[in-house]
Every structure is written in structure tokens, then in C-alpha cells.
Amino acid sequence: PRQLDEICAFLRDGQIAIIPTDTIYGIVCDALEPK
């Protein structure tokens, strides 16, 4: 839960991340953050 909170704090702040998926690693951001 602490890791999830930390990751989501980055995303809510408009930052971008690379995360694992079930295929290729993905570049992601909060889909509601236009910038």
C-alpha cells in the first residue's frame, strides 16, 4: 500500500513513469492529466 501511494503521488503530480505490464514495459501517466 505504501508503494502504491508513492507511485500515485508521482502520477497525480503530473509526472510520468515506466511500469511493468504483462507485455512490454509501458510509459504511463495519469490519463486525466493533459500536460
PDB file of all heavy atoms in Angstrom:
ATOM      1  N   PRO A   1       0.812  -1.217   0.000  1.00  0.00           N
ATOM      2  CA  PRO A   1       0.000   0.000   0.000  1.00  0.00           C
ATOM      3  C   PRO A   1       0.847   1.270   0.000  1.00  0.00           C
ATOM      4  O   PRO A   1       0.512   2.258  -0.660  1.00  0.00           O
ATOM      5  CB  PRO A   1      -0.829  -0.133   1.280  1.00  0.00           C
ATOM      6  CG  PRO A   1      -0.948  -1.610   1.498  1.00  0.00           C
ATOM      7  CD  PRO A   1       0.369  -2.175   1.050  1.00  0.00           C
ATOM      8  N   ARG A   2       1.960   1.266   0.745  1.00  0.00           N
ATOM      9  CA  ARG A   2       2.841   2.434   0.780  1.00  0.00           C
ATOM     10  C   ARG A   2       3.452   2.707  -0.588  1.00  0.00           C
ATOM     11  O   ARG A   2       3.531   3.859  -1.036  1.00  0.00           O
ATOM     12  CB  ARG A   2       3.952   2.231   1.818  1.00  0.00           C
ATOM     13  CG  ARG A   2       4.876   3.436   1.964  1.00  0.00           C
ATOM     14  CD  ARG A   2       6.024   3.137   2.908  1.00  0.00           C
ATOM     15  NE  ARG A   2       6.828   2.015   2.465  1.00  0.00           N
ATOM     16  CZ  ARG A   2       7.754   2.098   1.492  1.00  0.00           C
ATOM     17  NH1 ARG A   2       7.962   3.242   0.873  1.00  0.00           N
ATOM     18  NH2 ARG A   2       8.447   1.032   1.157  1.00  0.00           N
ATOM     19  N   GLN A   3       3.880   1.644  -1.279  1.00  0.00           N
ATOM     20  CA  GLN A   3       4.443   1.816  -2.626  1.00  0.00           C
ATOM     21  C   GLN A   3       3.385   2.357  -3.592  1.00  0.00           C
ATOM     22  O   GLN A   3       3.668   3.241  -4.402  1.00  0.00           O
ATOM     23  CB  GLN A   3       5.001   0.490  -3.139  1.00  0.00           C
ATOM     24  CG  GLN A   3       6.291   0.064  -2.459  1.00  0.00           C
ATOM     25  CD  GLN A   3       6.756  -1.305  -2.925  1.00  0.00           C
ATOM     26  OE1 GLN A   3       5.954  -2.234  -3.073  1.00  0.00           O
ATOM     27  NE2 GLN A   3       8.057  -1.437  -3.164  1.00  0.00           N
ATOM     28  N   LEU A   4       2.176   1.838  -3.498  1.00  0.00           N
ATOM     29  CA  LEU A   4       1.099   2.311  -4.378  1.00  0.00           C
ATOM     30  C   LEU A   4       0.804   3.783  -4.123  1.00  0.00           C
ATOM     31  O   LEU A   4       0.608   4.564  -5.066  1.00  0.00           O
ATOM     32  CB  LEU A   4      -0.158   1.466  -4.177  1.00  0.00           C
ATOM     33  CG  LEU A   4      -0.080   0.020  -4.689  1.00  0.00           C
ATOM     34  CD1 LEU A   4      -1.290  -0.773  -4.206  1.00  0.00           C
ATOM     35  CD2 LEU A   4      -0.011  -0.017  -6.216  1.00  0.00           C
ATOM     36  N   ASP A   5       0.784   4.179  -2.850  1.00  0.00           N
ATOM     37  CA  ASP A   5       0.556   5.587  -2.519  1.00  0.00           C
ATOM     38  C   ASP A   5       1.655   6.469  -3.094  1.00  0.00           C
ATOM     39  O   ASP A   5       1.389   7.555  -3.614  1.00  0.00           O
ATOM     40  CB  ASP A   5       0.484   5.771  -0.999  1.00  0.00           C
ATOM     41  CG  ASP A   5      -0.821   5.263  -0.398  1.00  0.00           C
ATOM     42  OD1 ASP A   5      -1.794   5.108  -1.161  1.00  0.00           O
ATOM     43  OD2 ASP A   5      -0.856   5.027   0.822  1.00  0.00           O
ATOM     44  N   GLU A   6       2.891   5.991  -3.015  1.00  0.00           N
ATOM     45  CA  GLU A   6       4.028   6.765  -3.519  1.00  0.00           C
ATOM     46  C   GLU A   6       3.953   6.910  -5.038  1.00  0.00           C
ATOM     47  O   GLU A   6       4.152   7.998  -5.583  1.00  0.00           O
ATOM     48  CB  GLU A   6       5.334   6.075  -3.108  1.00  0.00           C
ATOM     49  CG  GLU A   6       6.571   6.917  -3.335  1.00  0.00           C
ATOM     50  CD  GLU A   6       7.832   6.265  -2.795  1.00  0.00           C
ATOM     51  OE1 GLU A   6       7.729   5.244  -2.079  1.00  0.00           O
ATOM     52  OE2 GLU A   6       8.930   6.781  -3.102  1.00  0.00           O
ATOM     53  N   ILE A   7       3.644   5.811  -5.726  1.00  0.00           N
ATOM     54  CA  ILE A   7       3.531   5.848  -7.190  1.00  0.00           C
ATOM     55  C   ILE A   7       2.413   6.798  -7.604  1.00  0.00           C
ATOM     56  O   ILE A   7       2.578   7.634  -8.498  1.00  0.00           O
ATOM     57  CB  ILE A   7       3.270   4.430  -7.744  1.00  0.00           C
ATOM     58  CG1 ILE A   7       4.492   3.529  -7.515  1.00  0.00           C
ATOM     59  CG2 ILE A   7       2.926   4.484  -9.237  1.00  0.00           C
ATOM     60  CD1 ILE A   7       4.209   2.043  -7.700  1.00  0.00           C
ATOM     61  N   CYS A   8       1.263   6.683  -6.947  1.00  0.00           N
ATOM     62  CA  CYS A   8       0.114   7.525  -7.309  1.00  0.00           C
ATOM     63  C   CYS A   8       0.380   8.995  -7.010  1.00  0.00           C
ATOM     64  O   CYS A   8      -0.119   9.873  -7.728  1.00  0.00           O
ATOM     65  CB  CYS A   8      -1.145   7.038  -6.596  1.00  0.00           C
ATOM     66  SG  CYS A   8      -1.754   5.457  -7.245  1.00  0.00           S
ATOM     67  N   ALA A   9       1.170   9.282  -5.990  1.00  0.00           N
ATOM     68  CA  ALA A   9       1.522  10.673  -5.697  1.00  0.00           C
ATOM     69  C   ALA A   9       2.326  11.263  -6.849  1.00  0.00           C
ATOM     70  O   ALA A   9       2.099  12.412  -7.248  1.00  0.00           O
ATOM     71  CB  ALA A   9       2.303  10.756  -4.387  1.00  0.00           C
ATOM     72  N   PHE A  10       3.267  10.503  -7.391  1.00  0.00           N
ATOM     73  CA  PHE A  10       4.016  10.951  -8.566  1.00  0.00           C
ATOM     74  C   PHE A  10       3.063  11.231  -9.729  1.00  0.00           C
ATOM     75  O   PHE A  10       3.148  12.264 -10.396  1.00  0.00           O
ATOM     76  CB  PHE A  10       5.024   9.881  -8.996  1.00  0.00           C
ATOM     77  CG  PHE A  10       6.347   9.953  -8.296  1.00  0.00           C
ATOM     78  CD1 PHE A  10       6.625   9.131  -7.218  1.00  0.00           C
ATOM     79  CD2 PHE A  10       7.329  10.838  -8.721  1.00  0.00           C
ATOM     80  CE1 PHE A  10       7.847   9.182  -6.567  1.00  0.00           C
ATOM     81  CE2 PHE A  10       8.560  10.899  -8.090  1.00  0.00           C
ATOM     82  CZ  PHE A  10       8.823  10.078  -7.008  1.00  0.00           C
ATOM     83  N   LEU A  11       2.151  10.292  -9.983  1.00  0.00           N
ATOM     84  CA  LEU A  11       1.261  10.411 -11.139  1.00  0.00           C
ATOM     85  C   LEU A  11       0.292  11.577 -10.985  1.00  0.00           C
ATOM     86  O   LEU A  11       0.046  12.324 -11.942  1.00  0.00           O
ATOM     87  CB  LEU A  11       0.505   9.099 -11.340  1.00  0.00           C
ATOM     88  CG  LEU A  11       1.387   7.885 -11.688  1.00  0.00           C
ATOM     89  CD1 LEU A  11       0.590   6.596 -11.609  1.00  0.00           C
ATOM     90  CD2 LEU A  11       2.008   8.042 -13.071  1.00  0.00           C
ATOM     91  N   ARG A  12      -0.259  11.757  -9.776  1.00  0.00           N
ATOM     92  CA  ARG A  12      -1.190  12.874  -9.554  1.00  0.00           C
ATOM     93  C   ARG A  12      -0.491  14.222  -9.693  1.00  0.00           C
ATOM     94  O   ARG A  12      -1.130  15.225  -9.974  1.00  0.00           O
ATOM     95  CB  ARG A  12      -1.829  12.756  -8.172  1.00  0.00           C
ATOM     96  CG  ARG A  12      -2.824  11.611  -8.040  1.00  0.00           C
ATOM     97  CD  ARG A  12      -3.629  11.711  -6.765  1.00  0.00           C
ATOM     98  NE  ARG A  12      -4.502  10.558  -6.605  1.00  0.00           N
ATOM     99  CZ  ARG A  12      -4.242   9.527  -5.809  1.00  0.00           C
ATOM    100  NH1 ARG A  12      -3.131   9.525  -5.087  1.00  0.00           N
ATOM    101  NH2 ARG A  12      -5.077   8.512  -5.723  1.00  0.00           N
ATOM    102  N   ASP A  13       0.819  14.208  -9.508  1.00  0.00           N
ATOM    103  CA  ASP A  13       1.610  15.428  -9.632  1.00  0.00           C
ATOM    104  C   ASP A  13       1.962  15.725 -11.101  1.00  0.00           C
ATOM    105  O   ASP A  13       2.723  16.647 -11.374  1.00  0.00           O
ATOM    106  CB  ASP A  13       2.885  15.291  -8.793  1.00  0.00           C
ATOM    107  CG  ASP A  13       3.591  16.620  -8.571  1.00  0.00           C
ATOM    108  OD1 ASP A  13       2.895  17.639  -8.365  1.00  0.00           O
ATOM    109  OD2 ASP A  13       4.831  16.653  -8.621  1.00  0.00           O
ATOM    110  N   GLY A  14       1.411  14.936 -12.014  1.00  0.00           N
ATOM    111  CA  GLY A  14       1.645  15.173 -13.440  1.00  0.00           C
ATOM    112  C   GLY A  14       2.937  14.587 -13.961  1.00  0.00           C
ATOM    113  O   GLY A  14       3.382  14.928 -15.069  1.00  0.00           O
ATOM    114  N   GLN A  15       3.548  13.683 -13.189  1.00  0.00           N
ATOM    115  CA  GLN A  15       4.800  13.084 -13.626  1.00  0.00           C
ATOM    116  C   GLN A  15       4.540  11.816 -14.435  1.00  0.00           C
ATOM    117  O   GLN A  15       3.429  11.281 -14.427  1.00  0.00           O
ATOM    118  CB  GLN A  15       5.685  12.802 -12.408  1.00  0.00           C
ATOM    119  CG  GLN A  15       5.976  14.082 -11.619  1.00  0.00           C
ATOM    120  CD  GLN A  15       7.092  13.923 -10.622  1.00  0.00           C
ATOM    121  OE1 GLN A  15       8.188  13.529 -10.963  1.00  0.00           O
ATOM    122  NE2 GLN A  15       6.807  14.238  -9.367  1.00  0.00           N
ATOM    123  N   ILE A  16       5.577  11.379 -15.148  1.00  0.00           N
ATOM    124  CA  ILE A  16       5.424  10.174 -15.980  1.00  0.00           C
ATOM    125  C   ILE A  16       6.335   9.077 -15.464  1.00  0.00           C
ATOM    126  O   ILE A  16       7.384   9.332 -14.866  1.00  0.00           O
ATOM    127  CB  ILE A  16       5.660  10.455 -17.482  1.00  0.00           C
ATOM    128  CG1 ILE A  16       7.085  10.926 -17.752  1.00  0.00           C
ATOM    129  CG2 ILE A  16       4.650  11.475 -17.977  1.00  0.00           C
ATOM    130  CD1 ILE A  16       7.364  11.128 -19.247  1.00  0.00           C
ATOM    131  N   ALA A  17       5.907   7.840 -15.675  1.00  0.00           N
ATOM    132  CA  ALA A  17       6.597   6.687 -15.095  1.00  0.00           C
ATOM    133  C   ALA A  17       6.701   5.571 -16.120  1.00  0.00           C
ATOM    134  O   ALA A  17       5.969   5.533 -17.112  1.00  0.00           O
ATOM    135  CB  ALA A  17       5.837   6.201 -13.857  1.00  0.00           C
ATOM    136  N   ILE A  18       7.619   4.663 -15.858  1.00  0.00           N
ATOM    137  CA  ILE A  18       7.687   3.397 -16.592  1.00  0.00           C
ATOM    138  C   ILE A  18       7.289   2.306 -15.610  1.00  0.00           C
ATOM    139  O   ILE A  18       7.801   2.244 -14.492  1.00  0.00           O
ATOM    140  CB  ILE A  18       9.100   3.144 -17.155  1.00  0.00           C
ATOM    141  CG1 ILE A  18       9.423   4.175 -18.241  1.00  0.00           C
ATOM    142  CG2 ILE A  18       9.213   1.729 -17.712  1.00  0.00           C
ATOM    143  CD1 ILE A  18      10.827   4.075 -18.802  1.00  0.00           C
ATOM    144  N   ILE A  19       6.342   1.449 -16.035  1.00  0.00           N
ATOM    145  CA  ILE A  19       5.851   0.391 -15.150  1.00  0.00           C
ATOM    146  C   ILE A  19       5.827  -0.941 -15.893  1.00  0.00           C
ATOM    147  O   ILE A  19       5.770  -0.981 -17.127  1.00  0.00           O
ATOM    148  CB  ILE A  19       4.438   0.706 -14.603  1.00  0.00           C
ATOM    149  CG1 ILE A  19       3.386   0.652 -15.732  1.00  0.00           C
ATOM    150  CG2 ILE A  19       4.395   2.050 -13.884  1.00  0.00           C
ATOM    151  CD1 ILE A  19       1.947   0.657 -15.232  1.00  0.00           C
ATOM    152  N   PRO A  20       5.868  -2.040 -15.143  1.00  0.00           N
ATOM    153  CA  PRO A  20       5.723  -3.355 -15.792  1.00  0.00           C
ATOM    154  C   PRO A  20       4.286  -3.578 -16.247  1.00  0.00           C
ATOM    155  O   PRO A  20       3.343  -2.998 -15.687  1.00  0.00           O
ATOM    156  CB  PRO A  20       6.105  -4.337 -14.681  1.00  0.00           C
ATOM    157  CG  PRO A  20       5.819  -3.608 -13.404  1.00  0.00           C
ATOM    158  CD  PRO A  20       6.055  -2.152 -13.689  1.00  0.00           C
ATOM    159  N   THR A  21       4.132  -4.384 -17.293  1.00  0.00           N
ATOM    160  CA  THR A  21       2.812  -4.851 -17.715  1.00  0.00           C
ATOM    161  C   THR A  21       2.945  -6.353 -17.966  1.00  0.00           C
ATOM    162  O   THR A  21       3.948  -6.953 -17.583  1.00  0.00           O
ATOM    163  CB  THR A  21       2.317  -4.143 -18.992  1.00  0.00           C
ATOM    164  OG1 THR A  21       3.052  -4.620 -20.121  1.00  0.00           O
ATOM    165  CG2 THR A  21       2.463  -2.628 -18.897  1.00  0.00           C
ATOM    166  N   ASP A  22       1.970  -6.953 -18.619  1.00  0.00           N
ATOM    167  CA  ASP A  22       2.095  -8.371 -18.969  1.00  0.00           C
ATOM    168  C   ASP A  22       2.751  -8.543 -20.336  1.00  0.00           C
ATOM    169  O   ASP A  22       2.894  -9.666 -20.828  1.00  0.00           O
ATOM    170  CB  ASP A  22       0.737  -9.070 -18.929  1.00  0.00           C
ATOM    171  CG  ASP A  22      -0.307  -8.374 -19.773  1.00  0.00           C
ATOM    172  OD1 ASP A  22      -0.014  -7.296 -20.333  1.00  0.00           O
ATOM    173  OD2 ASP A  22      -1.435  -8.901 -19.876  1.00  0.00           O
ATOM    174  N   THR A  23       3.154  -7.417 -20.968  1.00  0.00           N
ATOM    175  CA  THR A  23       3.879  -7.488 -22.235  1.00  0.00           C
ATOM    176  C   THR A  23       5.130  -6.621 -22.086  1.00  0.00           C
ATOM    177  O   THR A  23       5.938  -6.848 -21.215  1.00  0.00           O
ATOM    178  CB  THR A  23       2.997  -7.035 -23.418  1.00  0.00           C
ATOM    179  OG1 THR A  23       2.518  -5.693 -23.167  1.00  0.00           O
ATOM    180  CG2 THR A  23       1.800  -7.954 -23.601  1.00  0.00           C
ATOM    181  N   ILE A  24       5.284  -5.615 -22.942  1.00  0.00           N
ATOM    182  CA  ILE A  24       6.422  -4.705 -22.880  1.00  0.00           C
ATOM    183  C   ILE A  24       6.196  -3.695 -21.753  1.00  0.00           C
ATOM    184  O   ILE A  24       5.060  -3.286 -21.501  1.00  0.00           O
ATOM    185  CB  ILE A  24       6.573  -3.986 -24.240  1.00  0.00           C
ATOM    186  CG1 ILE A  24       6.770  -5.020 -25.357  1.00  0.00           C
ATOM    187  CG2 ILE A  24       7.726  -3.001 -24.228  1.00  0.00           C
ATOM    188  CD1 ILE A  24       6.673  -4.426 -26.760  1.00  0.00           C
ATOM    189  N   TYR A  25       7.280  -3.301 -21.093  1.00  0.00           N
ATOM    190  CA  TYR A  25       7.150  -2.238 -20.092  1.00  0.00           C
ATOM    191  C   TYR A  25       6.489  -1.015 -20.741  1.00  0.00           C
ATOM    192  O   TYR A  25       6.711  -0.720 -21.920  1.00  0.00           O
ATOM    193  CB  TYR A  25       8.525  -1.836 -19.560  1.00  0.00           C
ATOM    194  CG  TYR A  25       8.921  -2.550 -18.283  1.00  0.00           C
ATOM    195  CD1 TYR A  25       9.302  -3.896 -18.295  1.00  0.00           C
ATOM    196  CD2 TYR A  25       8.930  -1.884 -17.059  1.00  0.00           C
ATOM    197  CE1 TYR A  25       9.673  -4.551 -17.124  1.00  0.00           C
ATOM    198  CE2 TYR A  25       9.300  -2.524 -15.885  1.00  0.00           C
ATOM    199  CZ  TYR A  25       9.669  -3.860 -15.925  1.00  0.00           C
ATOM    200  OH  TYR A  25      10.026  -4.503 -14.757  1.00  0.00           O
ATOM    201  N   GLY A  26       5.663  -0.308 -19.974  1.00  0.00           N
ATOM    202  CA  GLY A  26       4.911   0.818 -20.514  1.00  0.00           C
ATOM    203  C   GLY A  26       5.320   2.151 -19.906  1.00  0.00           C
ATOM    204  O   GLY A  26       5.673   2.222 -18.723  1.00  0.00           O
ATOM    205  N   ILE A  27       5.288   3.190 -20.736  1.00  0.00           N
ATOM    206  CA  ILE A  27       5.426   4.563 -20.245  1.00  0.00           C
ATOM    207  C   ILE A  27       4.015   5.034 -19.937  1.00  0.00           C
ATOM    208  O   ILE A  27       3.133   4.971 -20.804  1.00  0.00           O
ATOM    209  CB  ILE A  27       6.069   5.481 -21.301  1.00  0.00           C
ATOM    210  CG1 ILE A  27       7.403   4.903 -21.773  1.00  0.00           C
ATOM    211  CG2 ILE A  27       6.279   6.888 -20.732  1.00  0.00           C
ATOM    212  CD1 ILE A  27       7.977   5.627 -22.981  1.00  0.00           C
ATOM    213  N   VAL A  28       3.781   5.503 -18.719  1.00  0.00           N
ATOM    214  CA  VAL A  28       2.417   5.827 -18.300  1.00  0.00           C
ATOM    215  C   VAL A  28       2.354   7.181 -17.608  1.00  0.00           C
ATOM    216  O   VAL A  28       3.353   7.707 -17.118  1.00  0.00           O
ATOM    217  CB  VAL A  28       1.841   4.751 -17.348  1.00  0.00           C
ATOM    218  CG1 VAL A  28       1.865   3.372 -17.984  1.00  0.00           C
ATOM    219  CG2 VAL A  28       2.566   4.743 -16.007  1.00  0.00           C
ATOM    220  N   CYS A  29       1.137   7.706 -17.570  1.00  0.00           N
ATOM    221  CA  CYS A  29       0.840   8.875 -16.749  1.00  0.00           C
ATOM    222  C   CYS A  29      -0.629   8.793 -16.363  1.00  0.00           C
ATOM    223  O   CYS A  29      -1.377   7.947 -16.871  1.00  0.00           O
ATOM    224  CB  CYS A  29       1.138  10.182 -17.493  1.00  0.00           C
ATOM    225  SG  CYS A  29      -0.007  10.555 -18.850  1.00  0.00           S
ATOM    226  N   ASP A  30      -1.025   9.668 -15.466  1.00  0.00           N
ATOM    227  CA  ASP A  30      -2.437   9.808 -15.100  1.00  0.00           C
ATOM    228  C   ASP A  30      -3.195  10.242 -16.352  1.00  0.00           C
ATOM    229  O   ASP A  30      -2.893  11.275 -16.947  1.00  0.00           O
ATOM    230  CB  ASP A  30      -2.542  10.865 -13.999  1.00  0.00           C
ATOM    231  CG  ASP A  30      -3.953  11.047 -13.467  1.00  0.00           C
ATOM    232  OD1 ASP A  30      -4.914  10.789 -14.206  1.00  0.00           O
ATOM    233  OD2 ASP A  30      -4.091  11.485 -12.314  1.00  0.00           O
ATOM    234  N   ALA A  31      -4.166   9.439 -16.773  1.00  0.00           N
ATOM    235  CA  ALA A  31      -4.885   9.724 -18.023  1.00  0.00           C
ATOM    236  C   ALA A  31      -5.756  10.967 -17.937  1.00  0.00           C
ATOM    237  O   ALA A  31      -6.280  11.418 -18.952  1.00  0.00           O
ATOM    238  CB  ALA A  31      -5.744   8.525 -18.430  1.00  0.00           C
ATOM    239  N   LEU A  32      -5.893  11.535 -16.735  1.00  0.00           N
ATOM    240  CA  LEU A  32      -6.680  12.758 -16.584  1.00  0.00           C
ATOM    241  C   LEU A  32      -5.791  14.000 -16.428  1.00  0.00           C
ATOM    242  O   LEU A  32      -6.280  15.068 -16.073  1.00  0.00           O
ATOM    243  CB  LEU A  32      -7.635  12.633 -15.393  1.00  0.00           C
ATOM    244  CG  LEU A  32      -8.610  11.447 -15.429  1.00  0.00           C
ATOM    245  CD1 LEU A  32      -9.618  11.557 -14.289  1.00  0.00           C
ATOM    246  CD2 LEU A  32      -9.332  11.332 -16.766  1.00  0.00           C
ATOM    247  N   GLU A  33      -4.492  13.840 -16.690  1.00  0.00           N
ATOM    248  CA  GLU A  33      -3.543  14.952 -16.588  1.00  0.00           C
ATOM    249  C   GLU A  33      -3.066  15.340 -17.994  1.00  0.00           C
ATOM    250  O   GLU A  33      -2.124  14.741 -18.522  1.00  0.00           O
ATOM    251  CB  GLU A  33      -2.340  14.560 -15.716  1.00  0.00           C
ATOM    252  CG  GLU A  33      -2.632  14.519 -14.232  1.00  0.00           C
ATOM    253  CD  GLU A  33      -2.813  15.913 -13.646  1.00  0.00           C
ATOM    254  OE1 GLU A  33      -2.329  16.895 -14.238  1.00  0.00           O
ATOM    255  OE2 GLU A  33      -3.447  16.011 -12.579  1.00  0.00           O
ATOM    256  N   PRO A  34      -3.698  16.337 -18.631  1.00  0.00           N
ATOM    257  CA  PRO A  34      -3.370  16.683 -20.020  1.00  0.00           C
ATOM    258  C   PRO A  34      -1.901  17.010 -20.256  1.00  0.00           C
ATOM    259  O   PRO A  34      -1.329  16.611 -21.275  1.00  0.00           O
ATOM    260  CB  PRO A  34      -4.256  17.900 -20.305  1.00  0.00           C
ATOM    261  CG  PRO A  34      -5.388  17.786 -19.338  1.00  0.00           C
ATOM    262  CD  PRO A  34      -4.806  17.158 -18.116  1.00  0.00           C
ATOM    263  N   LYS A  35      -1.256  17.722 -19.328  1.00  0.00           N
ATOM    264  CA  LYS A  35       0.143  18.100 -19.541  1.00  0.00           C
ATOM    265  C   LYS A  35       1.056  16.874 -19.526  1.00  0.00           C
ATOM    266  O   LYS A  35       2.045  16.816 -20.269  1.00  0.00           O
ATOM    267  CB  LYS A  35       0.588  19.124 -18.496  1.00  0.00           C
ATOM    268  CG  LYS A  35      -0.051  20.489 -18.702  1.00  0.00           C
ATOM    269  CD  LYS A  35       0.488  21.516 -17.718  1.00  0.00           C
ATOM    270  CE  LYS A  35      -0.136  22.887 -17.982  1.00  0.00           C
ATOM    271  NZ  LYS A  35       0.341  23.905 -17.008  1.00  0.00           N
TER     272      LYS A  35
END
